[in-house]
Amino acid sequence: MKTDKSFELAKKQVTTAREDYRMAFRRYEARLGSNIDVLDAKRALIRSRTEYVDAVYDAAAARSHLVYVMGGDLPPDLFFLKR
């Protein structure tokens, strides 16, 4: 499924962004980087985490919709998908 690929990509991006933030902070502590670098890395980490949450939601919604169109019951919290 496309959503599964998006989920895996988002997961990898969070890992990469977390490492980038860690390295930016270490460079700042060693006086080799600026606080702007740390803030940029933190912003990228927050954005990647947001995209990960979106991907998790999209995957869950797609699976629930698939169950529904195949004749299963739609969970109450995903009622908005019923068209």
C-alpha atoms as a PDB file:
ATOM      1  CA  MET A   1       0.000   0.000   0.000  1.00  0.00           C
ATOM      2  CA  LYS A   2       1.090   3.541  -0.701  1.00  0.00           C
ATOM      3  CA  THR A   3       0.338   4.533   2.881  1.00  0.00           C
ATOM      4  CA  ASP A   4       2.662   1.814   4.197  1.00  0.00           C
ATOM      5  CA  LYS A   5       5.506   3.217   2.091  1.00  0.00           C
ATOM      6  CA  SER A   6       4.757   6.736   3.324  1.00  0.00           C
ATOM      7  CA  PHE A   7       4.737   5.434   6.892  1.00  0.00           C
ATOM      8  CA  GLU A   8       8.131   3.744   6.498  1.00  0.00           C
ATOM      9  CA  LEU A   9       9.623   6.824   4.838  1.00  0.00           C
ATOM     10  CA  ALA A  10       8.312   9.093   7.595  1.00  0.00           C
ATOM     11  CA  LYS A  11       9.749   6.741  10.217  1.00  0.00           C
ATOM     12  CA  LYS A  12      13.200   6.921   8.597  1.00  0.00           C
ATOM     13  CA  GLN A  13      12.970  10.699   8.330  1.00  0.00           C
ATOM     14  CA  VAL A  14      12.334  10.986  12.074  1.00  0.00           C
ATOM     15  CA  THR A  15      15.412   8.869  12.778  1.00  0.00           C
ATOM     16  CA  THR A  16      17.528  10.984  10.444  1.00  0.00           C
ATOM     17  CA  ALA A  17      16.198  14.266  11.845  1.00  0.00           C
ATOM     18  CA  ARG A  18      16.819  13.081  15.408  1.00  0.00           C
ATOM     19  CA  GLU A  19      20.442  12.295  14.548  1.00  0.00           C
ATOM     20  CA  ASP A  20      20.853  15.632  12.734  1.00  0.00           C
ATOM     21  CA  TYR A  21      19.570  17.432  15.813  1.00  0.00           C
ATOM     22  CA  ARG A  22      21.909  15.490  18.082  1.00  0.00           C
ATOM     23  CA  MET A  23      24.883  16.352  15.879  1.00  0.00           C
ATOM     24  CA  ALA A  24      23.913  20.038  15.624  1.00  0.00           C
ATOM     25  CA  PHE A  25      23.642  20.221  19.404  1.00  0.00           C
ATOM     26  CA  ARG A  26      27.024  18.536  19.856  1.00  0.00           C
ATOM     27  CA  ARG A  27      28.618  20.974  17.377  1.00  0.00           C
ATOM     28  CA  TYR A  28      27.060  23.854  19.305  1.00  0.00           C
ATOM     29  CA  GLU A  29      28.389  22.506  22.616  1.00  0.00           C
ATOM     30  CA  ALA A  30      31.854  22.237  21.066  1.00  0.00           C
ATOM     31  CA  ARG A  31      31.524  25.823  19.771  1.00  0.00           C
ATOM     32  CA  LEU A  32      31.725  24.596  16.191  1.00  0.00           C
ATOM     33  CA  GLY A  33      28.121  25.427  15.286  1.00  0.00           C
ATOM     34  CA  SER A  34      25.622  28.158  15.983  1.00  0.00           C
ATOM     35  CA  ASN A  35      22.414  28.176  17.939  1.00  0.00           C
ATOM     36  CA  ILE A  36      20.658  28.823  14.609  1.00  0.00           C
ATOM     37  CA  ASP A  37      21.903  25.417  13.407  1.00  0.00           C
ATOM     38  CA  VAL A  38      20.434  23.800  16.523  1.00  0.00           C
ATOM     39  CA  LEU A  39      17.114  25.588  16.082  1.00  0.00           C
ATOM     40  CA  ASP A  40      16.943  24.631  12.401  1.00  0.00           C
ATOM     41  CA  ALA A  41      17.633  20.998  13.273  1.00  0.00           C
ATOM     42  CA  LYS A  42      14.995  21.089  16.027  1.00  0.00           C
ATOM     43  CA  ARG A  43      12.442  22.560  13.600  1.00  0.00           C
ATOM     44  CA  ALA A  44      13.235  19.804  11.083  1.00  0.00           C
ATOM     45  CA  LEU A  45      12.811  17.187  13.819  1.00  0.00           C
ATOM     46  CA  ILE A  46       9.426  18.588  14.825  1.00  0.00           C
ATOM     47  CA  ARG A  47       8.316  18.698  11.189  1.00  0.00           C
ATOM     48  CA  SER A  48       9.415  15.085  10.628  1.00  0.00           C
ATOM     49  CA  ARG A  49       7.540  13.955  13.742  1.00  0.00           C
ATOM     50  CA  THR A  50       4.421  15.747  12.514  1.00  0.00           C
ATOM     51  CA  GLU A  51       4.719  14.039   9.131  1.00  0.00           C
ATOM     52  CA  TYR A  52       5.139  10.702  10.919  1.00  0.00           C
ATOM     53  CA  VAL A  53       1.926  11.225  12.901  1.00  0.00           C
ATOM     54  CA  ASP A  54       0.141  12.168   9.674  1.00  0.00           C
ATOM     55  CA  ALA A  55       1.440   8.989   8.003  1.00  0.00           C
ATOM     56  CA  VAL A  56       0.296   6.825  10.930  1.00  0.00           C
ATOM     57  CA  TYR A  57      -3.160   8.375  10.755  1.00  0.00           C
ATOM     58  CA  ASP A  58      -3.346   7.987   6.960  1.00  0.00           C
ATOM     59  CA  ALA A  59      -2.353   4.317   7.192  1.00  0.00           C
ATOM     60  CA  ALA A  60      -4.962   3.615   9.886  1.00  0.00           C
ATOM     61  CA  ALA A  61      -7.662   5.459   7.960  1.00  0.00           C
ATOM     62  CA  ALA A  62      -6.826   3.608   4.733  1.00  0.00           C
ATOM     63  CA  ARG A  63      -6.938   0.227   6.459  1.00  0.00           C
ATOM     64  CA  SER A  64     -10.239   1.037   8.147  1.00  0.00           C
ATOM     65  CA  HIS A  65     -11.718   2.215   4.871  1.00  0.00           C
ATOM     66  CA  LEU A  66     -10.553  -0.978   3.164  1.00  0.00           C
ATOM     67  CA  VAL A  67     -12.260  -3.090   5.836  1.00  0.00           C
ATOM     68  CA  TYR A  68     -15.418  -1.027   5.405  1.00  0.00           C
ATOM     69  CA  VAL A  69     -15.574  -1.343   1.599  1.00  0.00           C
ATOM     70  CA  MET A  70     -15.043  -5.084   1.938  1.00  0.00           C
ATOM     71  CA  GLY A  71     -18.178  -5.298   4.075  1.00  0.00           C
ATOM     72  CA  GLY A  72     -16.740  -4.919   7.546  1.00  0.00           C
ATOM     73  CA  ASP A  73     -17.916  -2.526  10.210  1.00  0.00           C
ATOM     74  CA  LEU A  74     -16.466   0.957  10.243  1.00  0.00           C
ATOM     75  CA  PRO A  75     -15.055   1.904  13.659  1.00  0.00           C
ATOM     76  CA  PRO A  76     -17.029   4.768  15.249  1.00  0.00           C
ATOM     77  CA  ASP A  77     -13.975   7.060  15.417  1.00  0.00           C
ATOM     78  CA  LEU A  78     -13.579   6.821  11.632  1.00  0.00           C
ATOM     79  CA  PHE A  79     -17.227   7.449  10.810  1.00  0.00           C
ATOM     80  CA  PHE A  80     -16.275  10.505   8.745  1.00  0.00           C
ATOM     81  CA  LEU A  81     -14.807   8.183   6.086  1.00  0.00           C
ATOM     82  CA  LYS A  82     -18.260   6.845   5.269  1.00  0.00           C
ATOM     83  CA  ARG A  83     -19.405   8.599   2.106  1.00  0.00           C
END
